[in-house]
Structures are given as structure tokens and as C-alpha cells.
């Protein structure tokens, strides 16, 4: 049970949106069951990534090509910009 003080803090207009989303997720889990609510509110999803995502992360992490794990240019990678340009995205 949430204390009245904590309830006021969470429901306050000055409370952060992410915190409010987290609290709402807790309410929804109680109402619909934890297995029926996907909680992405704090950037900490409560489900495992698909195997192909895990495999891709491991493959990329093993790449030791010079500079491959550095920051990209501010304007983005040229090949990605070209691909977007070809799609004619406005």
C-alpha cells in the first residue's frame, strides 16, 4: 500500500513523467497481471531480447576493426544518410 505522502509525490504535477509511468505500470500489473504488462518506463524492460538481438550484439562486440566502436560523425554515417536519401524521407 502506498502512503499518502508518497502518493501525493507521485501524482504531483512536478513529478517526472517517467516516474509516473513507472507507477502506472505497477498499478496495471496489479490490475491485469504482470505477464500482461510490458514495462519500458525506466529503460529497463522486464522481458528478454529475442535471440537474434543477443546474437547480433555478441557478433558486433567481437569486431576489433580499428575505430568500429568509436563515435559516429555528428551528421551520422555517410552510408546511413545515403540510404535514407534514397528512401526520399522528408
PDB file of N, CA and C in Angstrom:
ATOM      1  N   UNK A   1       0.844  -1.180   0.000  1.00  0.00           N
ATOM      2  CA  UNK A   1       0.000   0.000   0.000  1.00  0.00           C
ATOM      3  C   UNK A   1       0.892   1.248   0.000  1.00  0.00           C
ATOM      4  N   UNK A   2       0.533   2.201  -0.791  1.00  0.00           N
ATOM      5  CA  UNK A   2       1.304   3.439  -0.925  1.00  0.00           C
ATOM      6  C   UNK A   2       0.867   4.429   0.149  1.00  0.00           C
ATOM      7  N   UNK A   3       1.843   5.034   0.825  1.00  0.00           N
ATOM      8  CA  UNK A   3       1.491   6.030   1.834  1.00  0.00           C
ATOM      9  C   UNK A   3       0.902   7.260   1.146  1.00  0.00           C
ATOM     10  N   UNK A   4       0.130   8.002   1.880  1.00  0.00           N
ATOM     11  CA  UNK A   4      -0.495   9.218   1.331  1.00  0.00           C
ATOM     12  C   UNK A   4       0.565  10.206   0.869  1.00  0.00           C
ATOM     13  N   UNK A   5       1.649  10.318   1.645  1.00  0.00           N
ATOM     14  CA  UNK A   5       2.742  11.224   1.277  1.00  0.00           C
ATOM     15  C   UNK A   5       3.354  10.823  -0.067  1.00  0.00           C
ATOM     16  N   UNK A   6       3.666   9.531  -0.228  1.00  0.00           N
ATOM     17  CA  UNK A   6       4.253   9.066  -1.487  1.00  0.00           C
ATOM     18  C   UNK A   6       3.276   9.203  -2.646  1.00  0.00           C
ATOM     19  N   UNK A   7       2.022   8.951  -2.388  1.00  0.00           N
ATOM     20  CA  UNK A   7       1.002   9.095  -3.429  1.00  0.00           C
ATOM     21  C   UNK A   7       0.948  10.533  -3.931  1.00  0.00           C
ATOM     22  N   UNK A   8       1.001  11.499  -3.015  1.00  0.00           N
ATOM     23  CA  UNK A   8       0.988  12.912  -3.406  1.00  0.00           C
ATOM     24  C   UNK A   8       2.234  13.256  -4.223  1.00  0.00           C
ATOM     25  N   UNK A   9       3.382  12.712  -3.830  1.00  0.00           N
ATOM     26  CA  UNK A   9       4.617  12.983  -4.580  1.00  0.00           C
ATOM     27  C   UNK A   9       4.524  12.467  -6.008  1.00  0.00           C
ATOM     28  N   UNK A  10       4.042  11.250  -6.149  1.00  0.00           N
ATOM     29  CA  UNK A  10       3.963  10.623  -7.473  1.00  0.00           C
ATOM     30  C   UNK A  10       2.930  11.309  -8.349  1.00  0.00           C
ATOM     31  N   UNK A  11       1.815  11.712  -7.765  1.00  0.00           N
ATOM     32  CA  UNK A  11       0.734  12.325  -8.541  1.00  0.00           C
ATOM     33  C   UNK A  11       0.911  13.818  -8.739  1.00  0.00           C
ATOM     34  N   UNK A  12       1.922  14.386  -8.138  1.00  0.00           N
ATOM     35  CA  UNK A  12       2.180  15.820  -8.247  1.00  0.00           C
ATOM     36  C   UNK A  12       2.512  16.200  -9.687  1.00  0.00           C
ATOM     37  N   UNK A  13       2.050  17.392 -10.128  1.00  0.00           N
ATOM     38  CA  UNK A  13       2.407  17.863 -11.471  1.00  0.00           C
ATOM     39  C   UNK A  13       3.920  18.030 -11.652  1.00  0.00           C
ATOM     40  N   UNK A  14       4.644  18.133 -10.556  1.00  0.00           N
ATOM     41  CA  UNK A  14       6.099  18.293 -10.663  1.00  0.00           C
ATOM     42  C   UNK A  14       6.826  16.953 -10.718  1.00  0.00           C
ATOM     43  N   UNK A  15       6.106  15.852 -10.513  1.00  0.00           N
ATOM     44  CA  UNK A  15       6.730  14.528 -10.600  1.00  0.00           C
ATOM     45  C   UNK A  15       7.121  14.265 -12.042  1.00  0.00           C
ATOM     46  N   UNK A  16       8.222  13.587 -12.232  1.00  0.00           N
ATOM     47  CA  UNK A  16       8.686  13.276 -13.583  1.00  0.00           C
ATOM     48  C   UNK A  16       7.739  12.338 -14.302  1.00  0.00           C
ATOM     49  N   UNK A  17       7.646  12.506 -15.603  1.00  0.00           N
ATOM     50  CA  UNK A  17       6.772  11.673 -16.427  1.00  0.00           C
ATOM     51  C   UNK A  17       7.190  10.214 -16.332  1.00  0.00           C
ATOM     52  N   UNK A  18       8.486   9.961 -16.356  1.00  0.00           N
ATOM     53  CA  UNK A  18       8.960   8.577 -16.304  1.00  0.00           C
ATOM     54  C   UNK A  18       8.561   7.927 -14.982  1.00  0.00           C
ATOM     55  N   UNK A  19       8.710   8.657 -13.906  1.00  0.00           N
ATOM     56  CA  UNK A  19       8.318   8.119 -12.593  1.00  0.00           C
ATOM     57  C   UNK A  19       6.829   7.820 -12.574  1.00  0.00           C
ATOM     58  N   UNK A  20       6.023   8.709 -13.135  1.00  0.00           N
ATOM     59  CA  UNK A  20       4.575   8.476 -13.168  1.00  0.00           C
ATOM     60  C   UNK A  20       4.243   7.244 -14.025  1.00  0.00           C
ATOM     61  N   UNK A  21       4.969   7.094 -15.149  1.00  0.00           N
ATOM     62  CA  UNK A  21       4.749   5.913 -15.999  1.00  0.00           C
ATOM     63  C   UNK A  21       5.088   4.634 -15.236  1.00  0.00           C
ATOM     64  N   UNK A  22       6.193   4.667 -14.477  1.00  0.00           N
ATOM     65  CA  UNK A  22       6.602   3.513 -13.690  1.00  0.00           C
ATOM     66  C   UNK A  22       5.512   3.142 -12.688  1.00  0.00           C
ATOM     67  N   UNK A  23       4.993   4.138 -11.993  1.00  0.00           N
ATOM     68  CA  UNK A  23       3.951   3.890 -11.003  1.00  0.00           C
ATOM     69  C   UNK A  23       2.675   3.370 -11.666  1.00  0.00           C
ATOM     70  N   UNK A  24       2.335   3.923 -12.814  1.00  0.00           N
ATOM     71  CA  UNK A  24       1.144   3.457 -13.531  1.00  0.00           C
ATOM     72  C   UNK A  24       1.332   2.009 -13.968  1.00  0.00           C
ATOM     73  N   UNK A  25       2.550   1.652 -14.376  1.00  0.00           N
ATOM     74  CA  UNK A  25       2.849   0.266 -14.747  1.00  0.00           C
ATOM     75  C   UNK A  25       2.612  -0.683 -13.589  1.00  0.00           C
ATOM     76  N   UNK A  26       3.005  -0.272 -12.389  1.00  0.00           N
ATOM     77  CA  UNK A  26       2.784  -1.103 -11.202  1.00  0.00           C
ATOM     78  C   UNK A  26       1.294  -1.321 -10.970  1.00  0.00           C
ATOM     79  N   UNK A  27       0.501  -0.269 -11.159  1.00  0.00           N
ATOM     80  CA  UNK A  27      -0.955  -0.376 -10.995  1.00  0.00           C
ATOM     81  C   UNK A  27      -1.537  -1.320 -12.051  1.00  0.00           C
ATOM     82  N   UNK A  28      -1.093  -1.161 -13.296  1.00  0.00           N
ATOM     83  CA  UNK A  28      -1.606  -2.012 -14.375  1.00  0.00           C
ATOM     84  C   UNK A  28      -1.229  -3.476 -14.174  1.00  0.00           C
ATOM     85  N   UNK A  29      -0.017  -3.726 -13.651  1.00  0.00           N
ATOM     86  CA  UNK A  29       0.391  -5.112 -13.369  1.00  0.00           C
ATOM     87  C   UNK A  29      -0.517  -5.740 -12.328  1.00  0.00           C
ATOM     88  N   UNK A  30      -0.895  -4.966 -11.307  1.00  0.00           N
ATOM     89  CA  UNK A  30      -1.811  -5.494 -10.294  1.00  0.00           C
ATOM     90  C   UNK A  30      -3.191  -5.755 -10.885  1.00  0.00           C
ATOM     91  N   UNK A  31      -3.606  -4.875 -11.778  1.00  0.00           N
ATOM     92  CA  UNK A  31      -4.955  -4.979 -12.348  1.00  0.00           C
ATOM     93  C   UNK A  31      -5.057  -6.107 -13.379  1.00  0.00           C
ATOM     94  N   UNK A  32      -4.049  -6.214 -14.293  1.00  0.00           N
ATOM     95  CA  UNK A  32      -4.134  -7.152 -15.410  1.00  0.00           C
ATOM     96  C   UNK A  32      -3.185  -8.339 -15.306  1.00  0.00           C
ATOM     97  N   UNK A  33      -2.293  -8.326 -14.312  1.00  0.00           N
ATOM     98  CA  UNK A  33      -1.306  -9.397 -14.171  1.00  0.00           C
ATOM     99  C   UNK A  33       0.015  -8.995 -14.806  1.00  0.00           C
ATOM    100  N   UNK A  34       1.103  -9.307 -14.120  1.00  0.00           N
ATOM    101  CA  UNK A  34       2.443  -8.899 -14.582  1.00  0.00           C
ATOM    102  C   UNK A  34       2.768  -9.451 -15.966  1.00  0.00           C
ATOM    103  N   UNK A  35       2.252 -10.640 -16.297  1.00  0.00           N
ATOM    104  CA  UNK A  35       2.538 -11.235 -17.607  1.00  0.00           C
ATOM    105  C   UNK A  35       1.852 -10.507 -18.754  1.00  0.00           C
ATOM    106  N   UNK A  36       0.914  -9.631 -18.448  1.00  0.00           N
ATOM    107  CA  UNK A  36       0.152  -8.926 -19.483  1.00  0.00           C
ATOM    108  C   UNK A  36       0.550  -7.467 -19.648  1.00  0.00           C
ATOM    109  N   UNK A  37       1.570  -7.024 -18.917  1.00  0.00           N
ATOM    110  CA  UNK A  37       2.002  -5.627 -18.990  1.00  0.00           C
ATOM    111  C   UNK A  37       3.491  -5.582 -19.277  1.00  0.00           C
ATOM    112  N   UNK A  38       3.874  -4.888 -20.356  1.00  0.00           N
ATOM    113  CA  UNK A  38       5.285  -4.709 -20.704  1.00  0.00           C
ATOM    114  C   UNK A  38       5.738  -3.356 -20.170  1.00  0.00           C
ATOM    115  N   UNK A  39       6.690  -3.378 -19.272  1.00  0.00           N
ATOM    116  CA  UNK A  39       7.125  -2.166 -18.590  1.00  0.00           C
ATOM    117  C   UNK A  39       8.431  -1.651 -19.187  1.00  0.00           C
ATOM    118  N   UNK A  40       8.352  -0.600 -19.980  1.00  0.00           N
ATOM    119  CA  UNK A  40       9.527   0.033 -20.581  1.00  0.00           C
ATOM    120  C   UNK A  40       9.785   1.401 -19.964  1.00  0.00           C
ATOM    121  N   UNK A  41       9.154   1.706 -18.840  1.00  0.00           N
ATOM    122  CA  UNK A  41       9.156   3.055 -18.303  1.00  0.00           C
ATOM    123  C   UNK A  41      10.515   3.563 -17.861  1.00  0.00           C
ATOM    124  N   UNK A  42      11.360   2.716 -17.331  1.00  0.00           N
ATOM    125  CA  UNK A  42      12.643   3.188 -16.827  1.00  0.00           C
ATOM    126  C   UNK A  42      13.797   2.712 -17.696  1.00  0.00           C
ATOM    127  N   UNK A  43      13.520   2.325 -18.927  1.00  0.00           N
ATOM    128  CA  UNK A  43      14.583   1.846 -19.805  1.00  0.00           C
ATOM    129  C   UNK A  43      15.097   0.499 -19.356  1.00  0.00           C
ATOM    130  N   UNK A  44      14.315  -0.204 -18.606  1.00  0.00           N
ATOM    131  CA  UNK A  44      14.715  -1.490 -18.082  1.00  0.00           C
ATOM    132  C   UNK A  44      13.590  -2.482 -18.340  1.00  0.00           C
ATOM    133  N   UNK A  45      13.466  -2.933 -19.594  1.00  0.00           N
ATOM    134  CA  UNK A  45      12.345  -3.813 -19.919  1.00  0.00           C
ATOM    135  C   UNK A  45      12.385  -5.089 -19.077  1.00  0.00           C
ATOM    136  N   UNK A  46      11.209  -5.622 -18.799  1.00  0.00           N
ATOM    137  CA  UNK A  46      11.128  -6.810 -17.971  1.00  0.00           C
ATOM    138  C   UNK A  46      10.937  -8.082 -18.804  1.00  0.00           C
ATOM    139  N   UNK A  47      11.431  -8.063 -20.034  1.00  0.00           N
ATOM    140  CA  UNK A  47      11.414  -9.253 -20.873  1.00  0.00           C
ATOM    141  C   UNK A  47      12.761  -9.358 -21.572  1.00  0.00           C
ATOM    142  N   UNK A  48      13.139 -10.572 -21.905  1.00  0.00           N
ATOM    143  CA  UNK A  48      14.435 -10.793 -22.539  1.00  0.00           C
ATOM    144  C   UNK A  48      14.374 -10.438 -24.023  1.00  0.00           C
ATOM    145  N   UNK A  49      15.513  -9.992 -24.582  1.00  0.00           N
ATOM    146  CA  UNK A  49      15.530  -9.677 -26.013  1.00  0.00           C
ATOM    147  C   UNK A  49      15.451 -10.954 -26.840  1.00  0.00           C
ATOM    148  N   UNK A  50      14.984 -10.856 -28.085  1.00  0.00           N
ATOM    149  CA  UNK A  50      14.973 -12.028 -28.965  1.00  0.00           C
ATOM    150  C   UNK A  50      16.408 -12.545 -29.166  1.00  0.00           C
ATOM    151  N   UNK A  51      16.552 -13.832 -29.406  1.00  0.00           N
ATOM    152  CA  UNK A  51      17.867 -14.445 -29.566  1.00  0.00           C
ATOM    153  C   UNK A  51      18.666 -13.771 -30.675  1.00  0.00           C
ATOM    154  N   UNK A  52      18.009 -13.357 -31.778  1.00  0.00           N
ATOM    155  CA  UNK A  52      18.773 -12.747 -32.868  1.00  0.00           C
ATOM    156  C   UNK A  52      19.374 -11.401 -32.444  1.00  0.00           C
ATOM    157  N   UNK A  53      18.754 -10.698 -31.496  1.00  0.00           N
ATOM    158  CA  UNK A  53      19.323  -9.453 -30.978  1.00  0.00           C
ATOM    159  C   UNK A  53      20.566  -9.769 -30.148  1.00  0.00           C
ATOM    160  N   UNK A  54      20.467 -10.757 -29.274  1.00  0.00           N
ATOM    161  CA  UNK A  54      21.616 -11.169 -28.467  1.00  0.00           C
ATOM    162  C   UNK A  54      22.767 -11.618 -29.361  1.00  0.00           C
ATOM    163  N   UNK A  55      22.459 -12.404 -30.391  1.00  0.00           N
ATOM    164  CA  UNK A  55      23.498 -12.877 -31.323  1.00  0.00           C
ATOM    165  C   UNK A  55      24.175 -11.708 -32.028  1.00  0.00           C
ATOM    166  N   UNK A  56      23.384 -10.719 -32.466  1.00  0.00           N
ATOM    167  CA  UNK A  56      23.947  -9.558 -33.165  1.00  0.00           C
ATOM    168  C   UNK A  56      24.844  -8.741 -32.241  1.00  0.00           C
ATOM    169  N   UNK A  57      24.439  -8.562 -30.995  1.00  0.00           N
ATOM    170  CA  UNK A  57      25.258  -7.814 -30.034  1.00  0.00           C
ATOM    171  C   UNK A  57      26.599  -8.518 -29.830  1.00  0.00           C
ATOM    172  N   UNK A  58      26.552  -9.838 -29.669  1.00  0.00           N
ATOM    173  CA  UNK A  58      27.787 -10.596 -29.463  1.00  0.00           C
ATOM    174  C   UNK A  58      28.691 -10.528 -30.693  1.00  0.00           C
ATOM    175  N   UNK A  59      28.092 -10.632 -31.894  1.00  0.00           N
ATOM    176  CA  UNK A  59      28.875 -10.560 -33.131  1.00  0.00           C
ATOM    177  C   UNK A  59      29.547  -9.202 -33.259  1.00  0.00           C
ATOM    178  N   UNK A  60      28.809  -8.142 -33.006  1.00  0.00           N
ATOM    179  CA  UNK A  60      29.347  -6.789 -33.122  1.00  0.00           C
ATOM    180  C   UNK A  60      30.422  -6.542 -32.063  1.00  0.00           C
ATOM    181  N   UNK A  61      30.212  -7.052 -30.857  1.00  0.00           N
ATOM    182  CA  UNK A  61      31.189  -6.854 -29.785  1.00  0.00           C
ATOM    183  C   UNK A  61      32.521  -7.538 -30.098  1.00  0.00           C
ATOM    184  N   UNK A  62      32.479  -8.620 -30.862  1.00  0.00           N
ATOM    185  CA  UNK A  62      33.721  -9.328 -31.218  1.00  0.00           C
ATOM    186  C   UNK A  62      34.508  -8.616 -32.314  1.00  0.00           C
ATOM    187  N   UNK A  63      33.898  -7.668 -33.008  1.00  0.00           N
ATOM    188  CA  UNK A  63      34.574  -6.937 -34.093  1.00  0.00           C
ATOM    189  C   UNK A  63      35.672  -6.053 -33.505  1.00  0.00           C
ATOM    190  N   UNK A  64      36.888  -6.278 -33.934  1.00  0.00           N
ATOM    191  CA  UNK A  64      38.021  -5.487 -33.425  1.00  0.00           C
ATOM    192  C   UNK A  64      38.605  -4.579 -34.503  1.00  0.00           C
ATOM    193  N   UNK A  65      37.859  -4.331 -35.568  1.00  0.00           N
ATOM    194  CA  UNK A  65      38.306  -3.425 -36.618  1.00  0.00           C
ATOM    195  C   UNK A  65      38.583  -2.056 -36.013  1.00  0.00           C
ATOM    196  N   UNK A  66      39.722  -1.463 -36.371  1.00  0.00           N
ATOM    197  CA  UNK A  66      40.105  -0.161 -35.816  1.00  0.00           C
ATOM    198  C   UNK A  66      38.987   0.871 -36.011  1.00  0.00           C
ATOM    199  N   UNK A  67      38.585   1.497 -34.922  1.00  0.00           N
ATOM    200  CA  UNK A  67      37.602   2.575 -34.978  1.00  0.00           C
ATOM    201  C   UNK A  67      36.155   2.144 -35.078  1.00  0.00           C
ATOM    202  N   UNK A  68      35.889   0.848 -35.131  1.00  0.00           N
ATOM    203  CA  UNK A  68      34.497   0.416 -35.355  1.00  0.00           C
ATOM    204  C   UNK A  68      33.582   0.707 -34.168  1.00  0.00           C
ATOM    205  N   UNK A  69      34.135   0.895 -32.983  1.00  0.00           N
ATOM    206  CA  UNK A  69      33.299   1.159 -31.813  1.00  0.00           C
ATOM    207  C   UNK A  69      33.423   2.601 -31.334  1.00  0.00           C
ATOM    208  N   UNK A  70      33.931   3.475 -32.198  1.00  0.00           N
ATOM    209  CA  UNK A  70      34.051   4.891 -31.849  1.00  0.00           C
ATOM    210  C   UNK A  70      32.759   5.634 -32.125  1.00  0.00           C
ATOM    211  N   UNK A  71      32.757   6.896 -31.781  1.00  0.00           N
ATOM    212  CA  UNK A  71      31.589   7.735 -32.043  1.00  0.00           C
ATOM    213  C   UNK A  71      31.424   7.959 -33.536  1.00  0.00           C
ATOM    214  N   UNK A  72      30.194   8.077 -33.970  1.00  0.00           N
ATOM    215  CA  UNK A  72      29.935   8.385 -35.372  1.00  0.00           C
ATOM    216  C   UNK A  72      30.041   9.898 -35.573  1.00  0.00           C
ATOM    217  N   UNK A  73      30.182  10.334 -36.819  1.00  0.00           N
ATOM    218  CA  UNK A  73      30.198  11.773 -37.087  1.00  0.00           C
ATOM    219  C   UNK A  73      28.864  12.405 -36.647  1.00  0.00           C
ATOM    220  N   UNK A  74      28.886  13.674 -36.274  1.00  0.00           N
ATOM    221  CA  UNK A  74      27.667  14.354 -35.828  1.00  0.00           C
ATOM    222  C   UNK A  74      26.540  14.255 -36.840  1.00  0.00           C
ATOM    223  N   UNK A  75      26.870  14.302 -38.103  1.00  0.00           N
ATOM    224  CA  UNK A  75      25.842  14.244 -39.147  1.00  0.00           C
ATOM    225  C   UNK A  75      25.384  12.812 -39.418  1.00  0.00           C
ATOM    226  N   UNK A  76      26.001  11.834 -38.775  1.00  0.00           N
ATOM    227  CA  UNK A  76      25.637  10.436 -38.996  1.00  0.00           C
ATOM    228  C   UNK A  76      26.582   9.776 -39.978  1.00  0.00           C
ATOM    229  N   UNK A  77      26.482   8.469 -40.087  1.00  0.00           N
ATOM    230  CA  UNK A  77      27.329   7.726 -41.024  1.00  0.00           C
ATOM    231  C   UNK A  77      26.901   8.040 -42.454  1.00  0.00           C
ATOM    232  N   UNK A  78      27.868   8.308 -43.338  1.00  0.00           N
ATOM    233  CA  UNK A  78      27.518   8.634 -44.728  1.00  0.00           C
ATOM    234  C   UNK A  78      26.644   7.565 -45.386  1.00  0.00           C
ATOM    235  N   UNK A  79      26.957   6.281 -45.144  1.00  0.00           N
ATOM    236  CA  UNK A  79      26.167   5.218 -45.780  1.00  0.00           C
ATOM    237  C   UNK A  79      24.720   5.199 -45.267  1.00  0.00           C
ATOM    238  N   UNK A  80      24.524   5.544 -44.011  1.00  0.00           N
ATOM    239  CA  UNK A  80      23.161   5.603 -43.472  1.00  0.00           C
ATOM    240  C   UNK A  80      22.420   6.808 -44.058  1.00  0.00           C
ATOM    241  N   UNK A  81      23.114   7.924 -44.200  1.00  0.00           N
ATOM    242  CA  UNK A  81      22.488   9.114 -44.783  1.00  0.00           C
ATOM    243  C   UNK A  81      22.109   8.861 -46.230  1.00  0.00           C
ATOM    244  N   UNK A  82      22.980   8.185 -46.964  1.00  0.00           N
ATOM    245  CA  UNK A  82      22.675   7.856 -48.367  1.00  0.00           C
ATOM    246  C   UNK A  82      21.450   6.959 -48.457  1.00  0.00           C
ATOM    247  N   UNK A  83      21.386   5.957 -47.591  1.00  0.00           N
ATOM    248  CA  UNK A  83      20.240   5.041 -47.601  1.00  0.00           C
ATOM    249  C   UNK A  83      18.938   5.785 -47.316  1.00  0.00           C
ATOM    250  N   UNK A  84      18.972   6.717 -46.365  1.00  0.00           N
ATOM    251  CA  UNK A  84      17.779   7.497 -46.056  1.00  0.00           C
ATOM    252  C   UNK A  84      17.409   8.409 -47.222  1.00  0.00           C
ATOM    253  N   UNK A  85      18.436   8.966 -47.871  1.00  0.00           N
ATOM    254  CA  UNK A  85      18.193   9.829 -49.017  1.00  0.00           C
ATOM    255  C   UNK A  85      17.508   9.069 -50.139  1.00  0.00           C
ATOM    256  N   UNK A  86      17.912   7.820 -50.344  1.00  0.00           N
ATOM    257  CA  UNK A  86      17.313   7.002 -51.400  1.00  0.00           C
ATOM    258  C   UNK A  86      15.860   6.675 -51.106  1.00  0.00           C
ATOM    259  N   UNK A  87      15.478   6.695 -49.846  1.00  0.00           N
ATOM    260  CA  UNK A  87      14.088   6.419 -49.476  1.00  0.00           C
ATOM    261  C   UNK A  87      13.203   7.652 -49.646  1.00  0.00           C
ATOM    262  N   UNK A  88      13.841   8.811 -49.933  1.00  0.00           N
ATOM    263  CA  UNK A  88      13.090  10.064 -50.099  1.00  0.00           C
ATOM    264  C   UNK A  88      12.271  10.418 -48.875  1.00  0.00           C
ATOM    265  N   UNK A  89      12.867  10.245 -47.707  1.00  0.00           N
ATOM    266  CA  UNK A  89      12.158  10.593 -46.477  1.00  0.00           C
ATOM    267  C   UNK A  89      12.294  12.078 -46.234  1.00  0.00           C
ATOM    268  N   UNK A  90      11.190  12.721 -46.009  1.00  0.00           N
ATOM    269  CA  UNK A  90      11.209  14.166 -45.793  1.00  0.00           C
ATOM    270  C   UNK A  90      11.435  14.498 -44.347  1.00  0.00           C
TER     271      UNK A  90
END
